[in-house]
Amino acid sequence: MHPLMSVVRVELYKLFRSYIFWIVGGLCMLIPIVASLFMYALQHPHIAAQMGLLGQKAQFANEASWTAFFDVQSQMIAVGGIIAFSFITSWMFGREFVHGTVKDLLALPYSRTIVVFAKFFCTFIASFFLVFALVIIGIACGLLLQLDSFTNVSFSSGFFRLLFVALCTIALCLPAAFFASFSRGYLAPFGYILFVLIFSQLIIAVGYGEYFPWALPALYSGISGTPFDYEFVHYLYIIVTSILGIVATIYYWEYADHDE
């Protein structure tokens, strides 16, 4: 078996056996459930009036349709996904330092680059698995609600927007691996998450969100209330940001003084 596949198998085993993954996964599954409550409130205005703040928040979706349903989930992923996917990434790398198992990984007869690539691969697989489960639950909830406008156009446009936002968000969470490795724990990645979330909201509010990579998924999801189309430079921002996170992590694992 190729060394990369061997490490991937072990990392996946550790990840799916951990409580962290399933806790984060459970929180992610709240996204389609909350979006379904919004759609239900729009379908039943008399009940929405009794739902208090939840009923008021549902009004920003405007209509109970598949497009609006997926758009609400996309907006939640653009914000909540930064937390969830960064947490998984931070755990994948930071746990080795917190638990003192990094010395065992460094002693393997494999390149450290292979170990890092395996961890990134497992992070992507785990994050995409959560997105896939989220989409399946969302579609099931939408069918139960019998949402209007179930056409190929309305369904596919919202569906692919959700997937695109999720993939961009996952890619932008990869730099958390460097902060987890550099700080040898979880504190720095938490700071990274808070900075990204707060600064994204601020820079969107002042109208410069298109220049901040972490704000792009939220803009594309329609969170600002105005249409936003990706241009080539926006793809470049996201690609360069994720690559820098990967390269910085590999460089640290390869050349840092690991004295554990």
Protein backbone atom coordinates (compact mmCIF):
# COMPACT_ATOMS: atom_id res chain seq x y z
CA MET A 1 0.00 0.00 0.00
CA HIS A 2 1.23 3.50 -0.84
CA PRO A 3 2.51 5.39 2.25
CA LEU A 4 -0.01 8.19 1.67
CA MET A 5 -2.92 5.78 1.70
CA SER A 6 -1.61 4.13 4.85
CA VAL A 7 -1.49 7.43 6.69
CA VAL A 8 -4.88 8.47 5.31
CA ARG A 9 -6.46 5.26 6.59
CA VAL A 10 -5.08 5.84 10.09
CA GLU A 11 -6.07 9.52 10.13
CA LEU A 12 -9.61 8.74 9.00
CA TYR A 13 -9.87 6.09 11.68
CA LYS A 14 -8.78 8.58 14.35
CA LEU A 15 -11.14 11.26 13.05
CA PHE A 16 -14.29 9.16 12.79
CA ARG A 17 -13.59 7.60 16.18
CA SER A 18 -13.38 10.99 17.87
CA TYR A 19 -16.23 12.68 19.66
CA ILE A 20 -15.24 16.04 18.16
CA PHE A 21 -16.20 15.06 14.63
CA TRP A 22 -19.65 13.84 15.62
CA ILE A 23 -20.30 16.84 17.85
CA VAL A 24 -19.37 19.22 15.03
CA GLY A 25 -21.42 17.10 12.65
CA GLY A 26 -24.45 17.31 14.92
CA LEU A 27 -24.16 21.08 15.03
CA CYS A 28 -23.89 21.22 11.24
CA MET A 29 -27.11 19.23 10.91
CA LEU A 30 -28.90 22.07 12.69
CA ILE A 31 -28.45 24.18 9.55
CA PRO A 32 -31.13 22.44 7.41
CA ILE A 33 -33.38 22.11 10.47
CA VAL A 34 -33.25 25.84 11.24
CA ALA A 35 -33.69 26.65 7.53
CA SER A 36 -36.74 24.36 7.52
CA LEU A 37 -38.20 26.27 10.47
CA PHE A 38 -37.74 29.49 8.49
CA MET A 39 -39.59 28.01 5.51
CA TYR A 40 -42.35 26.67 7.77
CA ALA A 41 -42.77 30.12 9.30
CA LEU A 42 -43.12 31.64 5.83
CA GLN A 43 -45.67 29.02 4.84
CA HIS A 44 -47.75 29.69 7.96
CA PRO A 45 -47.68 33.43 8.77
CA HIS A 46 -50.15 33.03 11.65
CA ILE A 47 -47.75 30.60 13.35
CA ALA A 48 -44.75 32.78 12.57
CA ALA A 49 -46.27 35.55 14.65
CA GLN A 50 -46.13 33.21 17.66
CA MET A 51 -42.53 32.16 17.01
CA GLY A 52 -41.09 35.46 18.21
CA LEU A 53 -37.57 36.21 17.06
CA LEU A 54 -37.38 33.07 14.91
CA GLY A 55 -40.46 34.14 12.98
CA GLN A 56 -39.00 37.61 12.44
CA LYS A 57 -35.66 36.23 11.20
CA ALA A 58 -37.51 34.03 8.72
CA GLN A 59 -38.80 37.08 6.88
CA PHE A 60 -35.44 37.79 5.25
CA ALA A 61 -35.94 34.67 3.09
CA ASN A 62 -38.99 36.40 1.46
CA GLU A 63 -40.54 33.21 0.11
CA ALA A 64 -40.85 29.52 0.88
CA SER A 65 -39.20 28.06 -2.23
CA TRP A 66 -36.35 25.70 -2.99
CA THR A 67 -34.15 28.57 -4.10
CA ALA A 68 -34.74 30.49 -0.87
CA PHE A 69 -34.34 27.30 1.17
CA PHE A 70 -30.91 26.56 -0.30
CA ASP A 71 -29.91 30.23 -0.11
CA VAL A 72 -30.63 30.32 3.63
CA GLN A 73 -28.52 27.21 4.14
CA SER A 74 -25.73 28.69 2.00
CA GLN A 75 -25.65 31.79 4.18
CA MET A 76 -25.52 29.69 7.33
CA ILE A 77 -22.68 27.58 5.89
CA ALA A 78 -20.75 30.70 4.86
CA VAL A 79 -20.74 31.83 8.50
CA GLY A 80 -21.11 28.68 10.58
CA GLY A 81 -18.98 26.60 8.22
CA ILE A 82 -15.95 28.75 9.01
CA ILE A 83 -16.30 27.64 12.62
CA ALA A 84 -17.14 23.99 11.94
CA PHE A 85 -14.60 23.25 9.21
CA SER A 86 -11.83 25.25 10.92
CA PHE A 87 -12.50 23.32 14.11
CA ILE A 88 -12.08 20.00 12.31
CA THR A 89 -8.90 21.25 10.63
CA SER A 90 -7.52 22.53 13.94
CA TRP A 91 -8.29 19.24 15.65
CA MET A 92 -6.64 17.18 12.90
CA PHE A 93 -3.33 19.00 13.40
CA GLY A 94 -3.44 20.38 16.91
CA ARG A 95 -4.37 17.14 18.62
CA GLU A 96 -0.98 15.63 17.81
CA PHE A 97 0.74 18.33 19.88
CA VAL A 98 -1.85 18.40 22.67
CA HIS A 99 -1.82 14.60 23.10
CA GLY A 100 1.93 14.34 22.62
CA THR A 101 1.60 11.97 19.65
CA VAL A 102 3.44 14.21 17.19
CA LYS A 103 6.72 12.50 18.13
CA ASP A 104 5.23 9.19 16.96
CA LEU A 105 4.27 10.69 13.60
CA LEU A 106 7.72 12.20 13.15
CA ALA A 107 9.26 8.78 13.81
CA LEU A 108 7.34 7.13 10.97
CA PRO A 109 9.40 6.01 7.98
CA TYR A 110 7.44 8.43 5.81
CA SER A 111 8.07 11.98 4.69
CA ARG A 112 6.50 14.61 6.93
CA THR A 113 4.96 16.09 3.79
CA ILE A 114 3.04 12.85 3.29
CA VAL A 115 1.67 13.08 6.83
CA VAL A 116 0.55 16.68 6.28
CA PHE A 117 -1.05 15.89 2.91
CA ALA A 118 -2.86 12.93 4.47
CA LYS A 119 -4.24 15.16 7.22
CA PHE A 120 -5.43 17.75 4.70
CA PHE A 121 -7.02 15.04 2.58
CA CYS A 122 -8.86 13.64 5.60
CA THR A 123 -9.94 17.13 6.60
CA PHE A 124 -11.47 17.68 3.16
CA ILE A 125 -13.15 14.26 3.15
CA ALA A 126 -14.63 14.79 6.62
CA SER A 127 -15.83 18.31 5.82
CA PHE A 128 -17.37 17.25 2.51
CA PHE A 129 -19.03 14.31 4.25
CA LEU A 130 -20.74 16.77 6.61
CA VAL A 131 -21.84 18.90 3.66
CA PHE A 132 -23.21 15.82 1.89
CA ALA A 133 -25.16 14.77 5.00
CA LEU A 134 -26.40 18.33 5.42
CA VAL A 135 -27.66 18.42 1.83
CA ILE A 136 -29.44 15.07 2.14
CA ILE A 137 -31.21 16.14 5.34
CA GLY A 138 -32.06 19.49 3.73
CA ILE A 139 -33.63 17.87 0.67
CA ALA A 140 -35.64 15.52 2.91
CA CYS A 141 -36.88 18.47 4.98
CA GLY A 142 -37.74 20.42 1.82
CA LEU A 143 -39.78 17.50 0.46
CA LEU A 144 -41.65 17.20 3.76
CA LEU A 145 -42.44 20.92 3.66
CA GLN A 146 -43.61 20.61 0.04
CA LEU A 147 -41.82 23.78 -0.94
CA ASP A 148 -43.05 25.73 -3.94
CA SER A 149 -41.18 26.28 -7.21
CA PHE A 150 -39.82 22.74 -7.47
CA THR A 151 -38.39 23.11 -10.95
CA ASN A 152 -35.08 22.03 -12.39
CA VAL A 153 -33.92 25.65 -12.57
CA SER A 154 -34.91 26.71 -9.06
CA PHE A 155 -33.63 23.52 -7.46
CA SER A 156 -30.34 23.26 -9.32
CA SER A 157 -29.39 26.94 -8.97
CA GLY A 158 -29.81 26.89 -5.19
CA PHE A 159 -28.28 23.44 -4.85
CA PHE A 160 -25.11 24.27 -6.78
CA ARG A 161 -24.78 27.60 -5.00
CA LEU A 162 -24.84 25.77 -1.67
CA LEU A 163 -22.17 23.29 -2.82
CA PHE A 164 -19.99 26.07 -4.20
CA VAL A 165 -20.22 28.10 -1.00
CA ALA A 166 -19.42 25.00 1.06
CA LEU A 167 -16.35 24.09 -1.04
CA CYS A 168 -15.01 27.66 -0.89
CA THR A 169 -15.55 27.75 2.87
CA ILE A 170 -13.72 24.43 3.33
CA ALA A 171 -10.79 25.71 1.25
CA LEU A 172 -10.57 28.92 3.29
CA CYS A 173 -10.41 26.94 6.53
CA LEU A 174 -7.17 25.17 5.57
CA PRO A 175 -4.89 27.92 6.99
CA ALA A 176 -6.18 26.93 10.45
CA ALA A 177 -3.86 23.92 10.16
CA PHE A 178 -0.83 26.19 10.20
CA PHE A 179 -2.01 28.08 13.28
CA ALA A 180 -2.76 24.80 15.07
CA SER A 181 0.70 23.47 14.21
CA PHE A 182 2.58 26.69 14.94
CA SER A 183 0.88 27.20 18.33
CA ARG A 184 0.98 23.44 19.02
CA GLY A 185 -2.59 23.47 20.24
CA TYR A 186 -6.04 24.95 19.73
CA LEU A 187 -5.77 28.50 21.10
CA ALA A 188 -4.32 30.20 18.00
CA PRO A 189 -6.83 28.55 15.61
CA PHE A 190 -9.67 29.83 17.78
CA GLY A 191 -8.19 33.32 17.46
CA TYR A 192 -7.97 32.81 13.71
CA ILE A 193 -11.65 31.82 13.56
CA LEU A 194 -12.77 34.83 15.61
CA PHE A 195 -10.66 37.23 13.56
CA VAL A 196 -11.99 35.88 10.26
CA LEU A 197 -15.63 35.98 11.39
CA ILE A 198 -15.50 39.46 12.90
CA PHE A 199 -13.38 41.06 10.19
CA SER A 200 -15.51 39.47 7.43
CA GLN A 201 -18.66 41.08 8.83
CA LEU A 202 -16.93 44.44 9.23
CA ILE A 203 -15.40 44.51 5.78
CA ILE A 204 -18.69 43.45 4.16
CA ALA A 205 -20.46 46.23 6.04
CA VAL A 206 -18.09 48.88 4.68
CA GLY A 207 -18.38 47.53 1.13
CA TYR A 208 -14.95 45.97 0.59
CA GLY A 209 -15.86 42.33 1.17
CA GLU A 210 -14.86 41.29 -2.35
CA TYR A 211 -11.21 41.97 -1.45
CA PHE A 212 -11.22 39.74 1.63
CA PRO A 213 -11.13 36.02 0.72
CA TRP A 214 -13.06 34.82 3.77
CA ALA A 215 -15.93 37.19 2.99
CA LEU A 216 -16.43 35.89 -0.56
CA PRO A 217 -18.55 32.79 0.28
CA ALA A 218 -20.90 34.95 2.37
CA LEU A 219 -21.21 37.51 -0.43
CA TYR A 220 -21.93 34.83 -3.02
CA SER A 221 -24.58 33.28 -0.75
CA GLY A 222 -26.44 36.61 -0.79
CA ILE A 223 -25.95 37.48 2.85
CA SER A 224 -25.48 41.15 1.99
CA GLY A 225 -28.85 41.29 0.24
CA THR A 226 -27.37 42.24 -3.13
CA PRO A 227 -26.41 39.94 -6.04
CA PHE A 228 -22.73 39.04 -6.27
CA ASP A 229 -21.01 37.27 -9.14
CA TYR A 230 -17.60 35.66 -8.88
CA GLU A 231 -14.89 36.96 -11.16
CA PHE A 232 -11.58 35.28 -11.93
CA VAL A 233 -9.73 37.32 -9.32
CA HIS A 234 -12.11 36.07 -6.62
CA TYR A 235 -11.33 32.46 -7.47
CA LEU A 236 -7.68 33.42 -7.35
CA TYR A 237 -8.04 34.90 -3.86
CA ILE A 238 -9.51 31.66 -2.52
CA ILE A 239 -7.03 29.37 -4.30
CA VAL A 240 -4.00 31.39 -3.22
CA THR A 241 -5.24 31.59 0.39
CA SER A 242 -5.76 27.84 0.65
CA ILE A 243 -2.43 27.05 -1.04
CA LEU A 244 -0.59 29.41 1.30
CA GLY A 245 -2.18 27.62 4.27
CA ILE A 246 -1.05 24.22 2.94
CA VAL A 247 2.46 25.36 2.05
CA ALA A 248 2.97 27.12 5.40
CA THR A 249 1.85 24.00 7.27
CA ILE A 250 4.16 21.73 5.26
CA TYR A 251 7.07 24.11 5.78
CA TYR A 252 6.49 24.18 9.53
CA TRP A 253 6.27 20.39 9.83
CA GLU A 254 9.36 19.92 7.67
CA TYR A 255 11.69 22.54 9.13
CA ALA A 256 10.48 23.54 12.59
CA ASP A 257 12.41 22.37 15.63
CA HIS A 258 10.15 19.62 16.98
CA ASP A 259 11.54 18.93 20.44
CA GLU A 260 8.64 16.91 21.83
